[in-house]
Amino acid sequence: MSCGKKRGRSCRVNMKITKIAVRYCGGCNPSYQRGASVRGLQKRFPHLQLLNFEPTDVYRAVLIVCGLEQETEGGTQHFLMKLRESKLTDDALVESFYDKIIENYDYPENYYIILIHGVYDIPGKSSDGAEMFDASDEIYEHIMCCICPVKLSKAGLCYNAETNSIQDRIRDWIVELPDVAFLFPQFNDRSTDIHGVLYYSKNANELRDIFIDELLGCTAPLSAGGQRDSFNALVEDTLGDDCRYDTVLSIHEKLNDLIESQKDEPEPVVLTKSEVKRLFEECGVEDEKLQSFDEQYEITAGEKSSLVASNITNTKRFEIKTPDVVVHVDPERADLVETRVIDGRKCLVIPMEGEVELNGIRVHTGNENPSDDEFYDNTDTETEETSDGK
């Protein structure tokens, strides 16, 4: 069913309420709170009336809500749910949680585990969208855990005002900012989402896959560096011998244009498998090369993984690297660099027009044409190391 607009007139559709029975399957334990998922479904599709299943009644449709393996007795989600419901008053359960962290958190020095139980009264909303703090639709009950390194302060000297002397500073054990933290369950769309967890890692390139898998029962997403490496491998494997300078340049230029066009959006630009494939097509990759794209993507990035555009391209500089030379170019002037064969040698060619500096010293390039005194911005190209003949 579709609804359109014509000549500025709005269209109202009266949707018939559909009754659907809900039946739970797979370890039906109330502590799993599968009802939260059903409530989310009800909010998303308000024209559905979800009813508890009764064997003696007849329904047009039945929705079966199945539990996950981690929801069953002994699963990670089941354990976290028990911990939350205990409000941290069960000492044995809390000690078991600490033991799980110690067993799976690989850190060679001292650290401090902070475990918090919290309750948030979610304000209701009026028909005009305004929050009503005196009317609550739901209570968000959660646990938050932070793992903080504990390090000895640096040795040094300090001034003692009482004795008017300089002396050794007393070294203390300092609790630093969290290295890893998580919030369970996730707070999503103004409601409790028991199938999600908010995870924080100080080092975005070290997400601690084993810790996430054993303690949270989740598959760790690709880190920022992992996404970049996976994308680079995908480009190389897909293009093969046709992985040429112009094609790779075109891919990164289109990525930068995509990021720039959505820079005012609150969410980052995320590319799915199909969107990456379309990007390659727009950059002139032949259909023959794309026949194995889906397989290559699943091998390098994962079947259901998405790539954040800002993780796989650099919007501030374009890097060209050979064994002897690294050249950094402003992405907007990447067209200045060309590849040519000169005297039988493959070369990168950069026009030396305008002002040229060597280690901060302006040098003359032997240009006798006065009209070339109109300099380019000297930040367009930056060479880290030079080599004769390159």
Protein backbone atom coordinates (compact mmCIF):
# COMPACT_ATOMS: atom_id res chain seq x y z
CA MET A 1 0.00 0.00 0.00
CA SER A 2 1.34 3.42 -0.89
CA CYS A 3 0.24 6.93 -0.13
CA GLY A 4 1.23 9.96 -2.17
CA LYS A 5 0.77 13.72 -2.10
CA LYS A 6 -0.72 15.85 -4.85
CA ARG A 7 -0.96 19.64 -5.18
CA GLY A 8 0.08 20.19 -1.56
CA ARG A 9 -2.80 18.18 -0.10
CA SER A 10 -2.02 15.69 2.63
CA CYS A 11 -3.32 12.15 2.56
CA ARG A 12 -4.62 10.30 5.61
CA VAL A 13 -4.75 6.52 5.72
CA ASN A 14 -6.89 4.68 8.23
CA MET A 15 -5.04 1.46 8.94
CA LYS A 16 -7.04 -1.46 10.23
CA ILE A 17 -5.86 -2.86 13.54
CA THR A 18 -4.42 -6.35 13.06
CA LYS A 19 -4.45 -8.75 15.99
CA ILE A 20 -1.42 -11.02 16.33
CA ALA A 21 -0.74 -13.55 19.06
CA VAL A 22 2.68 -13.61 20.72
CA ARG A 23 4.21 -16.87 21.87
CA TYR A 24 7.59 -17.22 23.57
CA CYS A 25 9.89 -20.11 22.77
CA GLY A 26 13.39 -21.20 23.78
CA GLY A 27 13.79 -21.16 27.57
CA CYS A 28 10.79 -19.04 28.57
CA ASN A 29 12.15 -17.36 31.67
CA PRO A 30 10.62 -13.99 32.64
CA SER A 31 14.08 -12.71 33.62
CA TYR A 32 15.04 -12.71 29.93
CA GLN A 33 12.55 -9.86 29.36
CA ARG A 34 11.75 -10.73 25.77
CA GLY A 35 8.76 -8.49 26.36
CA ALA A 36 11.05 -5.50 25.82
CA SER A 37 11.57 -6.61 22.22
CA VAL A 38 7.84 -7.08 21.76
CA ARG A 39 7.15 -3.60 23.16
CA GLY A 40 9.67 -2.17 20.71
CA LEU A 41 7.88 -3.94 17.89
CA GLN A 42 4.55 -2.52 19.09
CA LYS A 43 5.97 1.03 19.03
CA ARG A 44 7.34 0.55 15.54
CA PHE A 45 4.08 -0.88 14.16
CA PRO A 46 1.25 0.77 16.14
CA HIS A 47 -1.42 -0.75 13.87
CA LEU A 48 -0.57 -4.20 15.27
CA GLN A 49 -2.32 -5.45 18.40
CA LEU A 50 -0.03 -7.99 20.03
CA LEU A 51 -1.86 -10.39 22.34
CA ASN A 52 -0.70 -13.19 24.60
CA PHE A 53 -1.17 -16.56 22.91
CA GLU A 54 -4.07 -18.68 24.15
CA PRO A 55 -4.22 -22.29 22.86
CA THR A 56 -8.04 -22.26 22.75
CA ASP A 57 -8.27 -19.16 20.55
CA VAL A 58 -7.90 -18.84 16.78
CA TYR A 59 -5.56 -16.19 15.33
CA ARG A 60 -4.79 -14.95 11.85
CA ALA A 61 -1.07 -14.88 12.72
CA VAL A 62 1.21 -15.95 15.57
CA LEU A 63 4.52 -14.26 16.37
CA ILE A 64 7.03 -16.66 17.96
CA VAL A 65 9.74 -14.86 19.95
CA CYS A 66 12.76 -17.13 20.28
CA GLY A 67 15.50 -16.78 22.85
CA LEU A 68 19.18 -16.56 21.99
CA GLU A 69 21.75 -19.06 23.16
CA GLN A 70 23.25 -16.43 25.47
CA GLU A 71 19.84 -15.99 27.14
CA THR A 72 19.74 -19.56 28.41
CA GLU A 73 21.00 -20.65 31.82
CA GLY A 74 24.77 -20.10 31.97
CA GLY A 75 24.81 -17.72 29.00
CA THR A 76 26.49 -14.32 29.20
CA GLN A 77 23.25 -12.35 28.82
CA HIS A 78 21.51 -14.49 31.42
CA PHE A 79 24.38 -13.80 33.83
CA LEU A 80 24.29 -10.02 33.21
CA MET A 81 20.52 -9.98 33.66
CA LYS A 82 20.85 -11.77 37.00
CA LEU A 83 23.55 -9.31 38.06
CA ARG A 84 21.32 -6.36 37.17
CA GLU A 85 18.27 -7.79 38.91
CA SER A 86 20.31 -8.47 42.08
CA LYS A 87 21.06 -4.73 42.32
CA LEU A 88 24.60 -5.87 43.27
CA THR A 89 23.39 -7.17 46.66
CA ASP A 90 24.39 -10.76 45.90
CA ASP A 91 28.03 -10.90 47.00
CA ALA A 92 28.66 -14.31 45.41
CA LEU A 93 27.30 -13.10 42.06
CA VAL A 94 29.42 -9.94 42.18
CA GLU A 95 32.54 -11.95 43.03
CA SER A 96 31.78 -14.26 40.10
CA PHE A 97 31.59 -11.20 37.83
CA TYR A 98 34.96 -9.95 39.08
CA ASP A 99 36.45 -13.39 38.45
CA LYS A 100 35.21 -13.33 34.86
CA ILE A 101 36.92 -9.98 34.28
CA ILE A 102 40.19 -11.12 35.87
CA GLU A 103 40.16 -14.26 33.74
CA ASN A 104 39.51 -12.51 30.42
CA TYR A 105 40.95 -9.01 30.81
CA ASP A 106 44.59 -9.17 29.73
CA TYR A 107 46.44 -6.33 31.47
CA PRO A 108 49.93 -6.73 33.02
CA GLU A 109 49.60 -4.00 35.67
CA ASN A 110 47.18 -3.10 38.45
CA TYR A 111 43.62 -2.03 37.66
CA TYR A 112 40.47 -1.03 39.52
CA ILE A 113 37.03 -2.44 38.65
CA ILE A 114 34.11 -0.06 39.19
CA LEU A 115 30.65 -1.68 39.08
CA ILE A 116 27.53 0.47 39.37
CA HIS A 117 23.81 -0.30 39.44
CA GLY A 118 21.54 2.53 38.36
CA VAL A 119 17.87 3.29 37.75
CA TYR A 120 16.55 5.96 35.41
CA ASP A 121 12.89 6.97 35.37
CA ILE A 122 12.19 7.60 31.67
CA PRO A 123 9.94 10.69 31.33
CA GLY A 124 6.71 10.23 29.42
CA LYS A 125 5.84 12.28 26.36
CA SER A 126 2.73 14.28 25.66
CA SER A 127 0.94 14.26 22.32
CA ASP A 128 2.96 17.32 21.20
CA GLY A 129 6.28 15.58 21.99
CA ALA A 130 7.06 17.49 25.20
CA GLU A 131 8.62 15.48 28.04
CA MET A 132 6.52 15.00 31.17
CA PHE A 133 8.93 14.40 34.04
CA ASP A 134 6.10 13.63 36.48
CA ALA A 135 4.77 10.83 34.25
CA SER A 136 6.93 7.81 33.51
CA ASP A 137 6.30 5.13 30.90
CA GLU A 138 9.21 2.89 31.83
CA ILE A 139 12.06 2.51 34.31
CA TYR A 140 15.49 1.94 32.80
CA GLU A 141 17.47 -0.29 35.15
CA HIS A 142 21.08 -0.90 34.21
CA ILE A 143 24.60 -1.77 35.30
CA MET A 144 27.76 0.05 34.27
CA CYS A 145 31.29 -1.28 34.59
CA CYS A 146 34.56 0.62 34.19
CA ILE A 147 38.04 -0.89 34.29
CA CYS A 148 40.62 1.74 35.23
CA PRO A 149 44.41 1.33 35.25
CA VAL A 150 46.03 2.05 38.62
CA LYS A 151 49.56 3.41 38.31
CA LEU A 152 52.15 4.81 40.68
CA SER A 153 52.62 8.56 40.27
CA LYS A 154 55.92 9.71 38.80
CA ALA A 155 58.88 10.39 41.06
CA GLY A 156 59.81 14.02 41.49
CA LEU A 157 60.65 16.88 43.82
CA CYS A 158 58.20 19.12 45.68
CA TYR A 159 58.37 22.10 48.00
CA ASN A 160 57.58 21.64 51.71
CA ALA A 161 56.18 24.94 52.98
CA GLU A 162 56.46 23.94 56.66
CA THR A 163 60.19 23.21 56.53
CA ASN A 164 60.91 25.64 53.66
CA SER A 165 62.76 22.92 51.81
CA ILE A 166 62.74 20.86 48.64
CA GLN A 167 62.15 17.15 49.19
CA ASP A 168 61.16 13.97 47.38
CA ARG A 169 57.51 13.91 46.44
CA ILE A 170 55.43 11.15 48.01
CA ARG A 171 54.38 8.72 45.30
CA ASP A 172 50.71 7.70 45.29
CA TRP A 173 48.68 5.09 43.45
CA ILE A 174 46.53 6.98 40.92
CA VAL A 175 43.29 5.63 39.44
CA GLU A 176 43.37 6.72 35.79
CA LEU A 177 40.58 7.16 33.26
CA PRO A 178 38.85 3.95 32.11
CA ASP A 179 40.63 1.72 29.64
CA VAL A 180 37.46 -0.29 28.97
CA ALA A 181 33.82 0.25 30.01
CA PHE A 182 30.35 -1.00 29.14
CA LEU A 183 26.72 -0.22 29.85
CA PHE A 184 24.12 -3.01 29.94
CA PRO A 185 21.45 -3.13 28.75
CA GLN A 186 21.61 -0.53 26.01
CA PHE A 187 19.30 2.50 26.16
CA ASN A 188 17.80 2.68 22.69
CA ASP A 189 14.87 4.73 21.38
CA ARG A 190 13.86 5.80 24.91
CA SER A 191 13.56 2.20 26.02
CA THR A 192 15.52 -0.74 27.43
CA ASP A 193 17.21 -2.88 24.79
CA ILE A 194 18.38 -6.09 26.48
CA HIS A 195 19.90 -7.32 23.21
CA GLY A 196 22.37 -4.45 23.02
CA VAL A 197 25.34 -3.22 25.04
CA LEU A 198 27.19 0.11 24.86
CA TYR A 199 30.93 -0.59 24.83
CA TYR A 200 33.86 1.81 25.23
CA SER A 201 37.55 1.26 24.53
CA LYS A 202 40.19 3.91 25.13
CA ASN A 203 42.22 2.49 22.26
CA ALA A 204 39.95 2.21 19.22
CA ASN A 205 42.39 -0.19 17.56
CA GLU A 206 42.40 -2.63 20.49
CA LEU A 207 38.83 -3.64 21.27
CA ARG A 208 39.81 -6.81 23.18
CA ASP A 209 37.90 -9.42 21.19
CA ILE A 210 38.27 -12.21 23.77
CA PHE A 211 37.03 -9.97 26.59
CA ILE A 212 33.96 -8.94 24.56
CA ASP A 213 33.18 -12.51 23.55
CA GLU A 214 33.60 -14.14 26.97
CA LEU A 215 32.10 -11.44 29.19
CA LEU A 216 29.45 -9.88 26.94
CA GLY A 217 28.74 -12.69 24.50
CA CYS A 218 29.17 -10.39 21.51
CA THR A 219 31.24 -10.42 18.36
CA ALA A 220 33.61 -7.47 18.41
CA PRO A 221 33.17 -5.07 15.47
CA LEU A 222 36.11 -4.17 13.28
CA SER A 223 38.30 -1.49 14.83
CA ALA A 224 39.04 1.74 12.93
CA GLY A 225 42.40 0.38 11.85
CA GLY A 226 40.86 -2.99 11.03
CA GLN A 227 38.29 -1.34 8.77
CA ARG A 228 41.03 0.56 6.94
CA ASP A 229 43.16 -2.57 6.48
CA SER A 230 40.15 -4.62 5.35
CA PHE A 231 39.10 -1.99 2.82
CA ASN A 232 42.63 -1.70 1.41
CA ALA A 233 42.84 -5.49 1.05
CA LEU A 234 39.40 -5.53 -0.59
CA VAL A 235 40.49 -2.95 -3.19
CA GLU A 236 43.70 -4.84 -3.95
CA ASP A 237 42.04 -8.27 -4.15
CA THR A 238 39.11 -7.05 -6.25
CA LEU A 239 41.13 -5.03 -8.77
CA GLY A 240 44.10 -7.39 -8.95
CA ASP A 241 46.50 -6.32 -11.72
CA ASP A 242 44.14 -3.42 -12.57
CA CYS A 243 44.75 -1.77 -9.19
CA ARG A 244 46.13 1.39 -10.76
CA TYR A 245 46.84 4.85 -9.44
CA ASP A 246 43.96 6.58 -11.24
CA THR A 247 41.35 4.04 -10.06
CA VAL A 248 42.43 4.18 -6.40
CA LEU A 249 42.55 7.98 -6.57
CA SER A 250 39.00 8.02 -7.95
CA ILE A 251 37.74 5.75 -5.12
CA HIS A 252 39.17 7.99 -2.41
CA GLU A 253 37.95 11.16 -4.11
CA LYS A 254 34.40 9.78 -4.18
CA LEU A 255 34.66 8.77 -0.51
CA ASN A 256 35.81 12.27 0.42
CA ASP A 257 32.97 13.83 -1.60
CA LEU A 258 30.48 11.54 0.19
CA ILE A 259 31.80 12.55 3.62
CA GLU A 260 31.75 16.23 2.67
CA SER A 261 28.16 16.06 1.41
CA GLN A 262 26.97 14.63 4.76
CA LYS A 263 29.26 16.52 7.13
CA ASP A 264 26.30 18.23 8.82
CA GLU A 265 24.55 14.95 9.60
CA PRO A 266 24.75 13.75 13.24
CA GLU A 267 25.65 10.18 12.24
CA PRO A 268 28.87 9.23 10.39
CA VAL A 269 28.75 7.95 6.83
CA VAL A 270 28.53 4.14 6.94
CA LEU A 271 28.93 1.92 3.87
CA THR A 272 27.35 -1.52 3.62
CA LYS A 273 28.61 -4.28 1.34
CA SER A 274 26.24 -3.26 -1.47
CA GLU A 275 27.24 0.41 -1.16
CA VAL A 276 30.95 -0.41 -1.37
CA LYS A 277 30.25 -2.47 -4.48
CA ARG A 278 28.33 0.42 -6.05
CA LEU A 279 31.27 2.73 -5.21
CA PHE A 280 33.60 0.45 -7.15
CA GLU A 281 31.19 0.38 -10.10
CA GLU A 282 31.02 4.19 -10.19
CA CYS A 283 34.82 4.33 -10.24
CA GLY A 284 35.00 2.21 -13.39
CA VAL A 285 35.75 -1.23 -11.95
CA GLU A 286 34.75 -3.78 -14.57
CA ASP A 287 31.91 -6.23 -13.96
CA GLU A 288 34.31 -9.13 -14.44
CA LYS A 289 36.34 -7.94 -11.44
CA LEU A 290 33.19 -7.59 -9.33
CA GLN A 291 31.98 -11.16 -9.85
CA SER A 292 33.83 -12.33 -6.74
CA PHE A 293 33.27 -9.10 -4.78
CA ASP A 294 30.73 -10.52 -2.31
CA GLU A 295 33.03 -13.40 -1.42
CA GLN A 296 36.05 -11.11 -1.05
CA TYR A 297 34.09 -8.72 1.14
CA GLU A 298 32.97 -11.47 3.51
CA ILE A 299 36.53 -12.79 3.78
CA THR A 300 38.17 -9.43 4.49
CA ALA A 301 35.49 -7.50 6.41
CA GLY A 302 32.85 -10.02 7.47
CA GLU A 303 29.45 -10.96 6.09
CA LYS A 304 27.41 -8.34 7.97
CA SER A 305 30.12 -5.75 8.64
CA SER A 306 29.78 -2.12 7.63
CA LEU A 307 32.61 0.34 7.07
CA VAL A 308 32.69 3.88 8.44
CA ALA A 309 33.84 6.11 5.57
CA SER A 310 36.07 8.28 7.78
CA ASN A 311 37.95 5.13 8.87
CA ILE A 312 38.87 4.03 5.36
CA THR A 313 39.96 7.34 3.85
CA ASN A 314 41.83 10.42 4.99
CA THR A 315 40.02 13.67 4.21
CA LYS A 316 42.99 15.83 5.20
CA ARG A 317 45.77 14.41 3.07
CA PHE A 318 46.43 11.96 0.27
CA GLU A 319 49.50 9.78 0.78
CA ILE A 320 51.64 8.38 -2.03
CA LYS A 321 54.39 6.03 -0.90
CA THR A 322 57.30 4.31 -2.64
CA PRO A 323 60.17 2.42 -0.98
CA ASP A 324 62.22 5.65 -0.92
CA VAL A 325 59.72 8.53 -1.01
CA VAL A 326 56.54 9.52 0.85
CA VAL A 327 54.50 12.36 -0.63
CA HIS A 328 51.55 13.97 1.16
CA VAL A 329 49.11 15.91 -1.01
CA ASP A 330 46.05 17.99 -0.20
CA PRO A 331 43.13 15.79 -1.41
CA GLU A 332 41.74 18.73 -3.37
CA ARG A 333 44.99 18.95 -5.35
CA ALA A 334 45.70 15.26 -5.79
CA ASP A 335 45.42 15.86 -9.54
CA LEU A 336 48.83 17.56 -9.39
CA VAL A 337 50.54 14.17 -9.10
CA GLU A 338 50.85 12.09 -12.27
CA THR A 339 52.41 8.76 -13.15
CA ARG A 340 54.64 8.68 -16.23
CA VAL A 341 57.32 6.55 -17.85
CA ILE A 342 60.40 8.70 -18.42
CA ASP A 343 63.50 7.21 -20.06
CA GLY A 344 62.04 3.78 -19.41
CA ARG A 345 61.51 4.38 -15.68
CA LYS A 346 58.17 4.64 -13.86
CA CYS A 347 58.03 8.03 -12.18
CA LEU A 348 55.75 10.18 -10.04
CA VAL A 349 55.62 13.65 -11.59
CA ILE A 350 54.80 16.73 -9.50
CA PRO A 351 54.86 20.16 -11.25
CA MET A 352 57.45 22.36 -9.49
CA GLU A 353 55.60 25.57 -10.25
CA GLY A 354 55.53 28.39 -7.77
CA GLU A 355 57.29 28.37 -4.43
CA VAL A 356 59.38 25.31 -3.56
CA GLU A 357 60.93 24.71 -0.15
CA LEU A 358 63.55 22.22 0.98
CA ASN A 359 63.59 21.72 4.78
CA GLY A 360 61.98 25.15 5.12
CA ILE A 361 64.42 26.90 2.75
CA ARG A 362 63.10 28.46 -0.44
CA VAL A 363 64.96 27.10 -3.43
CA HIS A 364 65.11 28.14 -7.08
CA THR A 365 64.06 25.54 -9.63
CA GLY A 366 65.64 27.24 -12.64
CA ASN A 367 62.31 28.48 -14.02
CA GLU A 368 62.96 31.45 -16.29
CA ASN A 369 59.33 32.21 -17.07
CA PRO A 370 58.26 35.29 -15.02
CA SER A 371 54.59 34.39 -15.41
CA ASP A 372 55.15 31.36 -13.20
CA ASP A 373 55.76 33.63 -10.21
CA GLU A 374 52.10 33.15 -9.32
CA PHE A 375 52.66 30.56 -6.68
CA TYR A 376 50.44 27.69 -5.64
CA ASP A 377 49.75 27.22 -1.97
CA ASN A 378 52.91 25.49 -0.71
CA THR A 379 50.80 23.20 1.46
CA ASP A 380 49.45 21.38 -1.61
CA THR A 381 52.36 18.97 -1.63
CA GLU A 382 54.63 17.88 1.15
CA THR A 383 57.54 15.50 0.60
CA GLU A 384 58.93 13.75 3.66
CA GLU A 385 62.01 12.26 1.97
CA THR A 386 63.52 12.83 -1.47
CA SER A 387 65.53 10.56 -3.71
CA ASP A 388 67.29 11.27 -7.01
CA GLY A 389 65.49 10.04 -10.07
CA LYS A 390 62.13 9.67 -8.29
